[in-house]
Amino acid sequence: MWYRRAVFYAMLGAVIVLPAWLLVSRGIIFTDTGWDFLGYLVLAPLLAVALGIVAAVVWARKSVRATRAVSPLDAALLTAWYLSIALYGASGDEGVATAVAVVGVLLAVASFWAAVWQLVRETRSRLRNIVTTFEQQAMPRDGQGPGQNAGSGPVIRIEPPTDRRP
């Protein structure tokens, strides 16, 4: 549980730290030409947006906000994705960097769709519970009487005004 909470808080920092790491390490240290730096200058904000979107979809789930911890699937995927970004920035060999970049893109796509799938599943479950509760209280089935709370409140009756003109 402590690790899942750590990943929850790391999601926010990763949006800033990982693109900056990528820009500094690959764009300045391991670059051969200025065009490489320009490419990373465009790539870093795109990575920040992708990290932010995934973090927002994960954070949108009520269970994540309530527990301040991501799910085990989120923790595994996000950790692997963050490590691939860090490894890509630290890799000086172009062959290794290319392989790590492909794995990183696949992990990004998997993280996004896993977060969307979990959000849809959780929201569907919550809505189903609300509808079931409403049906049980408001519309009894099989000829049963009204729900236990039906008709137990005060009754307010409003009489229409009468027109008394002389």
C-alpha atoms as a PDB file:
ATOM      1  CA  MET A   1       0.000   0.000   0.000  1.00  0.00           C
ATOM      2  CA  TRP A   2       2.851   2.392   0.770  1.00  0.00           C
ATOM      3  CA  TYR A   3       4.270   1.883  -2.713  1.00  0.00           C
ATOM      4  CA  ARG A   4       0.940   2.564  -4.395  1.00  0.00           C
ATOM      5  CA  ARG A   5       0.676   5.790  -2.393  1.00  0.00           C
ATOM      6  CA  ALA A   6       4.193   6.740  -3.413  1.00  0.00           C
ATOM      7  CA  VAL A   7       3.284   6.242  -7.074  1.00  0.00           C
ATOM      8  CA  PHE A   8       0.169   8.378  -6.530  1.00  0.00           C
ATOM      9  CA  TYR A   9       2.292  11.298  -5.364  1.00  0.00           C
ATOM     10  CA  ALA A  10       5.005  10.581  -7.952  1.00  0.00           C
ATOM     11  CA  MET A  11       2.462  11.021 -10.758  1.00  0.00           C
ATOM     12  CA  LEU A  12       2.354  14.742 -10.070  1.00  0.00           C
ATOM     13  CA  GLY A  13       6.108  15.185  -9.933  1.00  0.00           C
ATOM     14  CA  ALA A  14       6.714  12.997 -12.979  1.00  0.00           C
ATOM     15  CA  VAL A  15       4.887  15.467 -15.214  1.00  0.00           C
ATOM     16  CA  ILE A  16       7.677  18.010 -14.599  1.00  0.00           C
ATOM     17  CA  VAL A  17      10.736  15.944 -13.673  1.00  0.00           C
ATOM     18  CA  LEU A  18      10.755  13.291 -16.413  1.00  0.00           C
ATOM     19  CA  PRO A  19      10.421  15.652 -19.414  1.00  0.00           C
ATOM     20  CA  ALA A  20      13.084  17.913 -17.892  1.00  0.00           C
ATOM     21  CA  TRP A  21      15.342  14.884 -17.396  1.00  0.00           C
ATOM     22  CA  LEU A  22      14.785  13.852 -21.000  1.00  0.00           C
ATOM     23  CA  LEU A  23      15.524  17.349 -22.295  1.00  0.00           C
ATOM     24  CA  VAL A  24      18.715  17.743 -20.277  1.00  0.00           C
ATOM     25  CA  SER A  25      20.113  14.232 -20.684  1.00  0.00           C
ATOM     26  CA  ARG A  26      19.247  13.445 -24.303  1.00  0.00           C
ATOM     27  CA  GLY A  27      19.010  17.001 -25.607  1.00  0.00           C
ATOM     28  CA  ILE A  28      22.200  18.397 -24.111  1.00  0.00           C
ATOM     29  CA  ILE A  29      24.494  15.590 -22.913  1.00  0.00           C
ATOM     30  CA  PHE A  30      23.990  12.865 -25.544  1.00  0.00           C
ATOM     31  CA  THR A  31      23.309  15.123 -28.523  1.00  0.00           C
ATOM     32  CA  ASP A  32      25.437  15.315 -31.646  1.00  0.00           C
ATOM     33  CA  THR A  33      23.782  18.242 -33.396  1.00  0.00           C
ATOM     34  CA  GLY A  34      21.578  21.169 -32.561  1.00  0.00           C
ATOM     35  CA  TRP A  35      18.743  19.513 -34.439  1.00  0.00           C
ATOM     36  CA  ASP A  36      18.674  16.768 -31.829  1.00  0.00           C
ATOM     37  CA  PHE A  37      18.191  19.364 -29.118  1.00  0.00           C
ATOM     38  CA  LEU A  38      15.403  20.988 -31.144  1.00  0.00           C
ATOM     39  CA  GLY A  39      13.706  17.603 -31.472  1.00  0.00           C
ATOM     40  CA  TYR A  40      13.860  17.038 -27.729  1.00  0.00           C
ATOM     41  CA  LEU A  41      12.644  20.584 -27.174  1.00  0.00           C
ATOM     42  CA  VAL A  42       9.447  19.534 -28.983  1.00  0.00           C
ATOM     43  CA  LEU A  43       9.336  16.019 -27.497  1.00  0.00           C
ATOM     44  CA  ALA A  44       9.616  17.070 -23.831  1.00  0.00           C
ATOM     45  CA  PRO A  45       6.339  19.070 -23.726  1.00  0.00           C
ATOM     46  CA  LEU A  46       4.537  16.273 -25.584  1.00  0.00           C
ATOM     47  CA  LEU A  47       5.781  13.829 -22.970  1.00  0.00           C
ATOM     48  CA  ALA A  48       4.610  16.184 -20.205  1.00  0.00           C
ATOM     49  CA  VAL A  49       1.142  16.320 -21.773  1.00  0.00           C
ATOM     50  CA  ALA A  50       0.995  12.518 -22.080  1.00  0.00           C
ATOM     51  CA  LEU A  51       2.085  12.086 -18.456  1.00  0.00           C
ATOM     52  CA  GLY A  52      -0.476  14.676 -17.369  1.00  0.00           C
ATOM     53  CA  ILE A  53      -3.330  13.033 -19.267  1.00  0.00           C
ATOM     54  CA  VAL A  54      -2.594   9.613 -17.784  1.00  0.00           C
ATOM     55  CA  ALA A  55      -2.267  11.119 -14.300  1.00  0.00           C
ATOM     56  CA  ALA A  56      -5.598  12.942 -14.735  1.00  0.00           C
ATOM     57  CA  VAL A  57      -7.424   9.794 -15.862  1.00  0.00           C
ATOM     58  CA  VAL A  58      -5.983   7.833 -12.937  1.00  0.00           C
ATOM     59  CA  TRP A  59      -6.846  10.638 -10.515  1.00  0.00           C
ATOM     60  CA  ALA A  60     -10.417  10.828 -11.877  1.00  0.00           C
ATOM     61  CA  ARG A  61     -11.306   7.553 -10.173  1.00  0.00           C
ATOM     62  CA  LYS A  62     -13.015   8.044  -6.834  1.00  0.00           C
ATOM     63  CA  SER A  63     -11.224   5.088  -5.273  1.00  0.00           C
ATOM     64  CA  VAL A  64      -7.839   6.624  -6.104  1.00  0.00           C
ATOM     65  CA  ARG A  65      -8.807   9.998  -4.636  1.00  0.00           C
ATOM     66  CA  ALA A  66     -10.310   8.415  -1.515  1.00  0.00           C
ATOM     67  CA  THR A  67      -7.336   6.184  -0.691  1.00  0.00           C
ATOM     68  CA  ARG A  68      -4.633   8.450  -2.161  1.00  0.00           C
ATOM     69  CA  ALA A  69      -3.193   5.300  -3.744  1.00  0.00           C
ATOM     70  CA  VAL A  70      -3.242   3.972  -7.291  1.00  0.00           C
ATOM     71  CA  SER A  71      -4.335   0.445  -8.147  1.00  0.00           C
ATOM     72  CA  PRO A  72      -1.736  -2.327  -8.359  1.00  0.00           C
ATOM     73  CA  LEU A  73      -2.073  -2.355 -12.167  1.00  0.00           C
ATOM     74  CA  ASP A  74      -1.493   1.398 -12.309  1.00  0.00           C
ATOM     75  CA  ALA A  75       1.496   1.097  -9.990  1.00  0.00           C
ATOM     76  CA  ALA A  76       3.111  -1.571 -12.170  1.00  0.00           C
ATOM     77  CA  LEU A  77       2.483   0.180 -15.491  1.00  0.00           C
ATOM     78  CA  LEU A  78       3.423   3.659 -14.299  1.00  0.00           C
ATOM     79  CA  THR A  79       6.593   2.411 -12.615  1.00  0.00           C
ATOM     80  CA  ALA A  80       7.674   0.600 -15.771  1.00  0.00           C
ATOM     81  CA  TRP A  81       6.858   3.659 -17.897  1.00  0.00           C
ATOM     82  CA  TYR A  82       8.760   6.039 -15.607  1.00  0.00           C
ATOM     83  CA  LEU A  83      11.755   3.701 -15.529  1.00  0.00           C
ATOM     84  CA  SER A  84      11.760   3.440 -19.321  1.00  0.00           C
ATOM     85  CA  ILE A  85      11.818   7.244 -19.612  1.00  0.00           C
ATOM     86  CA  ALA A  86      14.658   7.470 -17.096  1.00  0.00           C
ATOM     87  CA  LEU A  87      16.590   4.707 -18.865  1.00  0.00           C
ATOM     88  CA  TYR A  88      16.059   6.353 -22.248  1.00  0.00           C
ATOM     89  CA  GLY A  89      17.509   9.581 -20.898  1.00  0.00           C
ATOM     90  CA  ALA A  90      20.515   7.789 -19.416  1.00  0.00           C
ATOM     91  CA  SER A  91      21.287   5.609 -22.428  1.00  0.00           C
ATOM     92  CA  GLY A  92      24.187   6.752 -24.583  1.00  0.00           C
ATOM     93  CA  ASP A  93      23.897   3.860 -27.063  1.00  0.00           C
ATOM     94  CA  GLU A  94      21.456   4.629 -29.890  1.00  0.00           C
ATOM     95  CA  GLY A  95      20.382   1.004 -30.352  1.00  0.00           C
ATOM     96  CA  VAL A  96      19.479   0.598 -26.689  1.00  0.00           C
ATOM     97  CA  ALA A  97      17.828   4.026 -26.640  1.00  0.00           C
ATOM     98  CA  THR A  98      15.655   3.130 -29.636  1.00  0.00           C
ATOM     99  CA  ALA A  99      14.543  -0.153 -28.072  1.00  0.00           C
ATOM    100  CA  VAL A 100      13.781   1.571 -24.757  1.00  0.00           C
ATOM    101  CA  ALA A 101      11.854   4.316 -26.593  1.00  0.00           C
ATOM    102  CA  VAL A 102       9.646   1.741 -28.324  1.00  0.00           C
ATOM    103  CA  VAL A 103       8.990  -0.002 -25.007  1.00  0.00           C
ATOM    104  CA  GLY A 104       8.247   3.394 -23.423  1.00  0.00           C
ATOM    105  CA  VAL A 105       5.678   4.263 -26.090  1.00  0.00           C
ATOM    106  CA  LEU A 106       4.004   0.875 -25.662  1.00  0.00           C
ATOM    107  CA  LEU A 107       3.931   1.365 -21.889  1.00  0.00           C
ATOM    108  CA  ALA A 108       2.435   4.848 -22.349  1.00  0.00           C
ATOM    109  CA  VAL A 109      -0.382   3.451 -24.487  1.00  0.00           C
ATOM    110  CA  ALA A 110      -0.943   0.570 -22.061  1.00  0.00           C
ATOM    111  CA  SER A 111      -0.998   2.943 -19.067  1.00  0.00           C
ATOM    112  CA  PHE A 112      -3.539   5.209 -20.732  1.00  0.00           C
ATOM    113  CA  TRP A 113      -5.928   2.454 -21.779  1.00  0.00           C
ATOM    114  CA  ALA A 114      -5.624   0.608 -18.459  1.00  0.00           C
ATOM    115  CA  ALA A 115      -6.491   3.836 -16.627  1.00  0.00           C
ATOM    116  CA  VAL A 116      -9.467   4.489 -18.937  1.00  0.00           C
ATOM    117  CA  TRP A 117     -10.678   0.902 -18.571  1.00  0.00           C
ATOM    118  CA  GLN A 118     -10.495   1.078 -14.767  1.00  0.00           C
ATOM    119  CA  LEU A 119     -12.283   4.447 -14.750  1.00  0.00           C
ATOM    120  CA  VAL A 120     -15.121   3.132 -16.930  1.00  0.00           C
ATOM    121  CA  ARG A 121     -15.429  -0.061 -14.889  1.00  0.00           C
ATOM    122  CA  GLU A 122     -15.513   1.788 -11.567  1.00  0.00           C
ATOM    123  CA  THR A 123     -17.970   4.404 -12.811  1.00  0.00           C
ATOM    124  CA  ARG A 124     -20.261   1.735 -14.266  1.00  0.00           C
ATOM    125  CA  SER A 125     -20.216  -0.143 -10.953  1.00  0.00           C
ATOM    126  CA  ARG A 126     -21.028   3.001  -8.960  1.00  0.00           C
ATOM    127  CA  LEU A 127     -23.890   3.945 -11.286  1.00  0.00           C
ATOM    128  CA  ARG A 128     -25.274   0.409 -11.176  1.00  0.00           C
ATOM    129  CA  ASN A 129     -25.302   0.570  -7.357  1.00  0.00           C
ATOM    130  CA  ILE A 130     -27.109   3.916  -7.426  1.00  0.00           C
ATOM    131  CA  VAL A 131     -29.752   2.644  -9.846  1.00  0.00           C
ATOM    132  CA  THR A 132     -30.226  -0.556  -7.840  1.00  0.00           C
ATOM    133  CA  THR A 133     -30.660   1.401  -4.617  1.00  0.00           C
ATOM    134  CA  PHE A 134     -33.128   3.747  -6.269  1.00  0.00           C
ATOM    135  CA  GLU A 135     -35.149   0.870  -7.705  1.00  0.00           C
ATOM    136  CA  GLN A 136     -35.307  -0.911  -4.355  1.00  0.00           C
ATOM    137  CA  GLN A 137     -36.557   2.163  -2.503  1.00  0.00           C
ATOM    138  CA  ALA A 138     -38.839   3.767  -5.065  1.00  0.00           C
ATOM    139  CA  MET A 139     -40.271   0.957  -7.161  1.00  0.00           C
ATOM    140  CA  PRO A 140     -40.822  -2.323  -5.315  1.00  0.00           C
ATOM    141  CA  ARG A 141     -41.075  -5.481  -7.402  1.00  0.00           C
ATOM    142  CA  ASP A 142     -43.408  -8.485  -7.456  1.00  0.00           C
ATOM    143  CA  GLY A 143     -46.465  -6.774  -6.004  1.00  0.00           C
ATOM    144  CA  GLN A 144     -44.801  -5.830  -2.756  1.00  0.00           C
ATOM    145  CA  GLY A 145     -45.963  -2.753  -0.945  1.00  0.00           C
ATOM    146  CA  PRO A 146     -44.069   0.507  -1.159  1.00  0.00           C
ATOM    147  CA  GLY A 147     -40.506   0.699   0.118  1.00  0.00           C
ATOM    148  CA  GLN A 148     -39.900   0.944   3.855  1.00  0.00           C
ATOM    149  CA  ASN A 149     -39.380   4.704   3.734  1.00  0.00           C
ATOM    150  CA  ALA A 150     -42.172   5.499   1.273  1.00  0.00           C
ATOM    151  CA  GLY A 151     -44.885   7.709   2.754  1.00  0.00           C
ATOM    152  CA  SER A 152     -43.203   8.115   6.118  1.00  0.00           C
ATOM    153  CA  GLY A 153     -42.453  11.832   5.707  1.00  0.00           C
ATOM    154  CA  PRO A 154     -44.736  14.828   6.177  1.00  0.00           C
ATOM    155  CA  VAL A 155     -47.392  15.553   3.580  1.00  0.00           C
ATOM    156  CA  ILE A 156     -47.624  19.073   2.259  1.00  0.00           C
ATOM    157  CA  ARG A 157     -50.880  20.040   0.655  1.00  0.00           C
ATOM    158  CA  ILE A 158     -51.265  23.280  -1.228  1.00  0.00           C
ATOM    159  CA  GLU A 159     -54.798  24.467  -1.855  1.00  0.00           C
ATOM    160  CA  PRO A 160     -55.380  26.407  -5.039  1.00  0.00           C
ATOM    161  CA  PRO A 161     -56.432  29.993  -4.467  1.00  0.00           C
ATOM    162  CA  THR A 162     -60.105  30.704  -4.784  1.00  0.00           C
ATOM    163  CA  ASP A 163     -61.182  33.663  -6.818  1.00  0.00           C
ATOM    164  CA  ARG A 164     -63.538  35.773  -4.637  1.00  0.00           C
ATOM    165  CA  ARG A 165     -64.553  38.775  -6.616  1.00  0.00           C
ATOM    166  CA  PRO A 166     -67.654  40.683  -5.593  1.00  0.00           C
END
